[in-house]
Amino acid sequence: MKYSIPSYSFHGLHREGKIDLFGYFETVKYRYHLNCADIWNMMFESYDEDYLRKLREALDEKEMYVANLCVDAAEVWDVDPLKREQFYQNGLKNLRAAVILGAQTVRIDMGGRELEMSEEQFDYTVMRYKEYAAFAAEHGFMVGPENHWGSSRVPENVRKVSEAVDHPNFGILLHFENWDVDKENGDRLCAKYAFHTHLAAWVVPSCEEKMSILQEAGYQGHLGIEHHSSKNEYAQVAWQFASARNTWASMQAKQAEVLGA
């Protein structure tokens, strides 16, 4: 299993001015011994190319890569056309940032505050994601929504959009157990679309089940260890990360026993 730790896991420290992305790279590399970054765009200081290239230089110097760029304030759909355009322009800025940073995957939310999708919302969402997926294909990464809030927290909406976009560079960031409809089955139903994941602290007791779902789906991406509390983040992330790794090691040992029996 490959792991990543989203920079959002340290949003409390960031809010207090105690960590920036350069410090986050140091933290991930030398505290948690990972070679990948998982960037939350709200920690960008700017979208100036000079700044983004400095981030890339810092990553390259540490022999790190970007597993995911997680983008807020760029959701595809809003009922207000002016906001839709603002979000679209922010989405384009982040896609360009992803190219500079060499991100493997990019999450851009689906949008829509209601669980149900109107026909207008569905058509517009599919159109925009097809555009994003074509851009992603040109630059060698994948793009798509997270089951994060609103209409994306309905597995059937995720399925419909995924199958309508129908592009090899489109997928989803699967946030385990983050569903408002069909909570018991959502993870299993949508795992086949996943290019990245978020495993929150409250999902740790179900970690073996979630890893089994990923195995069954043939998942090749990272398990994103996302922490939310904004308290004692270094220690909480260490606990969450260790719990996931221990679960995976136990699963591998059990499978080896079965194969050797």
Protein backbone atom coordinates (compact mmCIF):
# COMPACT_ATOMS: atom_id res chain seq x y z
CA MET A 1 0.00 0.00 0.00
CA LYS A 2 1.20 3.49 -0.84
CA TYR A 3 0.44 6.25 1.66
CA SER A 4 0.18 10.01 1.62
CA ILE A 5 -0.57 12.59 4.30
CA PRO A 6 -2.60 15.56 3.02
CA SER A 7 -1.33 18.98 4.06
CA TYR A 8 -4.90 19.63 5.25
CA SER A 9 -4.04 17.33 8.16
CA PHE A 10 -2.04 20.27 9.52
CA HIS A 11 -4.60 23.01 8.86
CA GLY A 12 -4.64 23.93 12.54
CA LEU A 13 -0.91 24.61 12.52
CA HIS A 14 -1.27 26.46 9.23
CA ARG A 15 -4.01 28.68 10.64
CA GLU A 16 -1.71 29.53 13.55
CA GLY A 17 1.12 30.43 11.16
CA LYS A 18 3.26 27.51 12.34
CA ILE A 19 3.62 25.62 9.05
CA ASP A 20 3.66 26.43 5.33
CA LEU A 21 4.06 24.11 2.35
CA PHE A 22 7.85 24.15 2.55
CA GLY A 23 7.62 23.11 6.20
CA TYR A 24 5.00 20.54 5.30
CA PHE A 25 7.39 18.94 2.78
CA GLU A 26 10.03 18.70 5.53
CA THR A 27 7.48 17.21 7.91
CA VAL A 28 6.28 14.53 5.52
CA LYS A 29 9.79 13.60 4.40
CA TYR A 30 11.64 13.56 7.70
CA ARG A 31 8.98 13.05 10.38
CA TYR A 32 6.81 10.48 8.58
CA HIS A 33 9.39 9.20 6.06
CA LEU A 34 7.22 9.52 2.95
CA ASN A 35 8.40 10.58 -0.49
CA CYS A 36 5.12 12.10 -1.64
CA ALA A 37 3.24 15.31 -0.93
CA ASP A 38 -0.55 15.63 -0.88
CA ILE A 39 -1.25 19.35 -1.23
CA TRP A 40 -4.32 21.29 -0.12
CA ASN A 41 -4.49 24.34 -2.37
CA MET A 42 -5.60 26.65 0.45
CA MET A 43 -1.99 26.48 1.69
CA PHE A 44 -0.69 28.08 -1.52
CA GLU A 45 0.70 31.55 -0.86
CA SER A 46 -0.05 32.51 -4.46
CA TYR A 47 -0.42 31.11 -7.96
CA ASP A 48 2.56 33.04 -9.29
CA GLU A 49 4.66 30.77 -11.45
CA ASP A 50 7.82 31.78 -9.59
CA TYR A 51 6.33 30.62 -6.26
CA LEU A 52 5.00 27.38 -7.72
CA ARG A 53 8.39 26.61 -9.27
CA LYS A 54 10.03 27.15 -5.88
CA LEU A 55 7.66 24.57 -4.45
CA ARG A 56 8.60 22.20 -7.28
CA GLU A 57 12.30 22.80 -6.63
CA ALA A 58 11.81 21.99 -2.94
CA LEU A 59 10.04 18.76 -3.89
CA ASP A 60 12.69 17.77 -6.41
CA GLU A 61 15.49 18.50 -3.94
CA LYS A 62 13.91 16.01 -1.53
CA GLU A 63 13.13 13.52 -4.33
CA MET A 64 9.41 13.89 -3.61
CA TYR A 65 6.39 13.87 -5.90
CA VAL A 66 2.82 15.14 -5.57
CA ALA A 67 0.30 12.34 -5.18
CA ASN A 68 -2.69 14.69 -5.15
CA LEU A 69 -3.59 18.36 -5.39
CA CYS A 70 -6.81 18.83 -3.43
CA VAL A 71 -8.61 21.94 -4.68
CA ASP A 72 -11.15 23.98 -2.74
CA ALA A 73 -13.07 27.04 -4.02
CA ALA A 74 -13.23 25.67 -7.56
CA GLU A 75 -16.35 23.51 -7.50
CA VAL A 76 -17.84 22.83 -10.90
CA TRP A 77 -21.46 23.73 -10.22
CA ASP A 78 -23.16 26.66 -8.54
CA VAL A 79 -26.65 27.96 -9.26
CA ASP A 80 -25.18 31.47 -9.64
CA PRO A 81 -23.55 31.81 -13.11
CA LEU A 82 -21.13 34.45 -11.83
CA LYS A 83 -19.87 32.18 -9.05
CA ARG A 84 -19.69 29.31 -11.55
CA GLU A 85 -17.35 31.37 -13.70
CA GLN A 86 -15.23 32.39 -10.71
CA PHE A 87 -14.91 28.75 -9.66
CA TYR A 88 -14.07 27.76 -13.23
CA GLN A 89 -11.25 30.29 -13.42
CA ASN A 90 -9.91 29.07 -10.09
CA GLY A 91 -10.11 25.51 -11.38
CA LEU A 92 -8.00 26.47 -14.40
CA LYS A 93 -5.39 28.13 -12.15
CA ASN A 94 -5.13 24.97 -10.09
CA LEU A 95 -4.87 22.73 -13.13
CA ARG A 96 -1.97 24.86 -14.35
CA ALA A 97 -0.42 24.62 -10.88
CA ALA A 98 -0.79 20.84 -11.05
CA VAL A 99 1.25 20.80 -14.26
CA ILE A 100 4.09 22.79 -12.70
CA LEU A 101 4.07 20.64 -9.56
CA GLY A 102 3.79 17.38 -11.47
CA ALA A 103 0.71 16.24 -9.57
CA GLN A 104 -0.51 12.72 -10.30
CA THR A 105 -4.14 13.46 -9.41
CA VAL A 106 -6.28 16.57 -8.90
CA ARG A 107 -9.50 16.82 -6.92
CA ILE A 108 -12.00 19.49 -8.02
CA ASP A 109 -15.35 19.28 -6.24
CA MET A 110 -18.56 18.58 -8.08
CA GLY A 111 -20.50 21.37 -6.35
CA GLY A 112 -24.23 21.61 -5.85
CA ARG A 113 -25.55 22.11 -2.33
CA GLU A 114 -28.53 19.80 -2.78
CA LEU A 115 -28.35 16.01 -2.89
CA GLU A 116 -30.37 15.83 -6.08
CA MET A 117 -28.83 16.98 -9.35
CA SER A 118 -30.95 18.91 -11.81
CA GLU A 119 -30.62 18.10 -15.50
CA GLU A 120 -28.90 21.45 -16.04
CA GLN A 121 -26.39 20.73 -13.28
CA PHE A 122 -25.70 17.23 -14.55
CA ASP A 123 -25.12 18.34 -18.15
CA TYR A 124 -22.88 21.23 -17.13
CA THR A 125 -20.91 19.06 -14.69
CA VAL A 126 -20.25 16.37 -17.28
CA MET A 127 -19.24 18.99 -19.87
CA ARG A 128 -16.77 20.65 -17.51
CA TYR A 129 -15.22 17.40 -16.29
CA LYS A 130 -14.75 16.26 -19.88
CA GLU A 131 -12.80 19.46 -20.48
CA TYR A 132 -10.72 18.93 -17.34
CA ALA A 133 -10.07 15.29 -18.20
CA ALA A 134 -8.85 16.23 -21.68
CA PHE A 135 -6.45 18.74 -20.11
CA ALA A 136 -5.32 16.12 -17.59
CA ALA A 137 -4.64 13.65 -20.41
CA GLU A 138 -2.41 16.18 -22.16
CA HIS A 139 -0.34 16.59 -19.00
CA GLY A 140 -0.31 13.08 -17.56
CA PHE A 141 -2.55 13.21 -14.50
CA MET A 142 -6.11 12.35 -13.42
CA VAL A 143 -8.86 14.69 -12.31
CA GLY A 144 -12.28 14.42 -10.72
CA PRO A 145 -14.43 15.11 -7.65
CA GLU A 146 -14.41 13.87 -4.09
CA ASN A 147 -17.54 12.64 -2.34
CA HIS A 148 -17.08 15.71 -0.20
CA TRP A 149 -20.35 17.63 0.21
CA GLY A 150 -23.66 18.25 -1.51
CA SER A 151 -24.57 16.22 -4.58
CA SER A 152 -21.29 14.30 -4.55
CA ARG A 153 -22.32 12.53 -1.34
CA VAL A 154 -24.80 10.40 -3.28
CA PRO A 155 -23.15 7.29 -4.81
CA GLU A 156 -25.58 7.25 -7.71
CA ASN A 157 -24.61 10.81 -8.66
CA VAL A 158 -20.94 9.82 -8.63
CA ARG A 159 -21.71 6.80 -10.81
CA LYS A 160 -23.80 8.76 -13.31
CA VAL A 161 -21.22 11.51 -13.71
CA SER A 162 -18.31 9.07 -13.95
CA GLU A 163 -19.97 6.97 -16.62
CA ALA A 164 -21.13 10.02 -18.57
CA VAL A 165 -17.66 11.60 -18.57
CA ASP A 166 -16.23 8.21 -19.59
CA HIS A 167 -12.59 9.29 -19.83
CA PRO A 168 -9.47 7.36 -18.73
CA ASN A 169 -8.12 10.48 -17.01
CA PHE A 170 -11.27 11.01 -14.95
CA GLY A 171 -11.94 9.42 -11.58
CA ILE A 172 -12.76 10.30 -8.00
CA LEU A 173 -11.12 10.93 -4.67
CA LEU A 174 -12.90 8.39 -2.49
CA HIS A 175 -13.47 9.80 1.00
CA PHE A 176 -14.39 6.71 3.00
CA GLU A 177 -17.79 6.72 4.71
CA ASN A 178 -18.56 10.28 3.59
CA TRP A 179 -22.00 9.60 2.15
CA ASP A 180 -25.46 10.98 2.86
CA VAL A 181 -27.23 8.25 0.88
CA ASP A 182 -26.53 4.48 0.85
CA LYS A 183 -23.82 4.90 3.49
CA GLU A 184 -23.32 1.16 3.94
CA ASN A 185 -22.57 0.53 0.27
CA GLY A 186 -21.20 3.82 -1.09
CA ASP A 187 -17.52 2.99 -0.65
CA ARG A 188 -17.83 -0.39 -2.32
CA LEU A 189 -20.00 0.94 -5.15
CA CYS A 190 -17.60 3.77 -6.02
CA ALA A 191 -14.18 2.26 -5.29
CA LYS A 192 -13.76 1.29 -8.94
CA TYR A 193 -13.67 4.99 -9.89
CA ALA A 194 -11.08 5.96 -7.26
CA PHE A 195 -7.72 7.50 -8.13
CA HIS A 196 -7.02 8.74 -4.58
CA THR A 197 -8.50 8.27 -1.10
CA HIS A 198 -9.03 10.00 2.24
CA LEU A 199 -9.10 7.91 5.40
CA ALA A 200 -10.25 10.03 8.34
CA ALA A 201 -9.60 9.20 12.02
CA TRP A 202 -13.18 8.03 12.56
CA VAL A 203 -12.73 5.41 9.82
CA VAL A 204 -9.67 3.80 11.46
CA PRO A 205 -11.81 1.14 13.24
CA SER A 206 -13.04 0.05 9.78
CA CYS A 207 -9.63 0.29 8.15
CA GLU A 208 -9.32 -3.40 7.26
CA GLU A 209 -12.71 -3.36 5.54
CA LYS A 210 -11.75 -0.26 3.52
CA MET A 211 -8.40 -1.71 2.48
CA SER A 212 -10.14 -4.90 1.40
CA ILE A 213 -12.52 -2.85 -0.75
CA LEU A 214 -9.54 -1.17 -2.42
CA GLN A 215 -7.87 -4.54 -3.01
CA GLU A 216 -10.99 -5.97 -4.60
CA ALA A 217 -11.26 -2.93 -6.87
CA GLY A 218 -7.64 -3.29 -8.01
CA TYR A 219 -6.78 0.13 -6.60
CA GLN A 220 -3.27 1.36 -7.42
CA GLY A 221 -3.25 4.79 -5.76
CA HIS A 222 -2.41 6.11 -2.31
CA LEU A 223 -4.18 5.78 1.01
CA GLY A 224 -4.49 9.39 2.12
CA ILE A 225 -4.21 9.72 5.90
CA GLU A 226 -6.35 12.83 6.41
CA HIS A 227 -6.73 14.25 9.91
CA HIS A 228 -9.42 16.81 10.75
CA SER A 229 -9.33 17.82 14.40
CA SER A 230 -6.79 20.72 14.11
CA LYS A 231 -5.47 19.64 17.55
CA ASN A 232 -2.16 17.91 18.40
CA GLU A 233 -1.78 17.27 14.69
CA TYR A 234 1.75 15.83 14.59
CA ALA A 235 0.87 13.18 17.19
CA GLN A 236 -2.64 12.51 15.86
CA VAL A 237 -1.36 12.01 12.32
CA ALA A 238 1.39 9.69 13.59
CA TRP A 239 -1.22 7.57 15.40
CA GLN A 240 -3.55 7.49 12.40
CA PHE A 241 -0.74 6.64 9.99
CA ALA A 242 0.66 3.90 12.24
CA SER A 243 -2.81 2.39 12.68
CA ALA A 244 -3.31 2.16 8.91
CA ARG A 245 0.12 0.63 8.33
CA ASN A 246 -0.38 -1.89 11.11
CA THR A 247 -3.74 -2.90 9.65
CA TRP A 248 -2.22 -3.39 6.21
CA ALA A 249 0.70 -5.41 7.62
CA SER A 250 -1.73 -7.66 9.51
CA MET A 251 -3.79 -8.19 6.37
CA GLN A 252 -0.69 -9.11 4.38
CA ALA A 253 0.38 -11.60 7.07
CA LYS A 254 -3.07 -13.24 7.07
CA GLN A 255 -3.06 -13.52 3.29
CA ALA A 256 0.42 -15.05 3.34
CA GLU A 257 -0.76 -17.64 5.86
CA VAL A 258 -3.72 -18.56 3.65
CA LEU A 259 -1.49 -18.90 0.57
CA GLY A 260 1.01 -20.99 2.52
CA ALA A 261 -1.60 -23.29 4.02
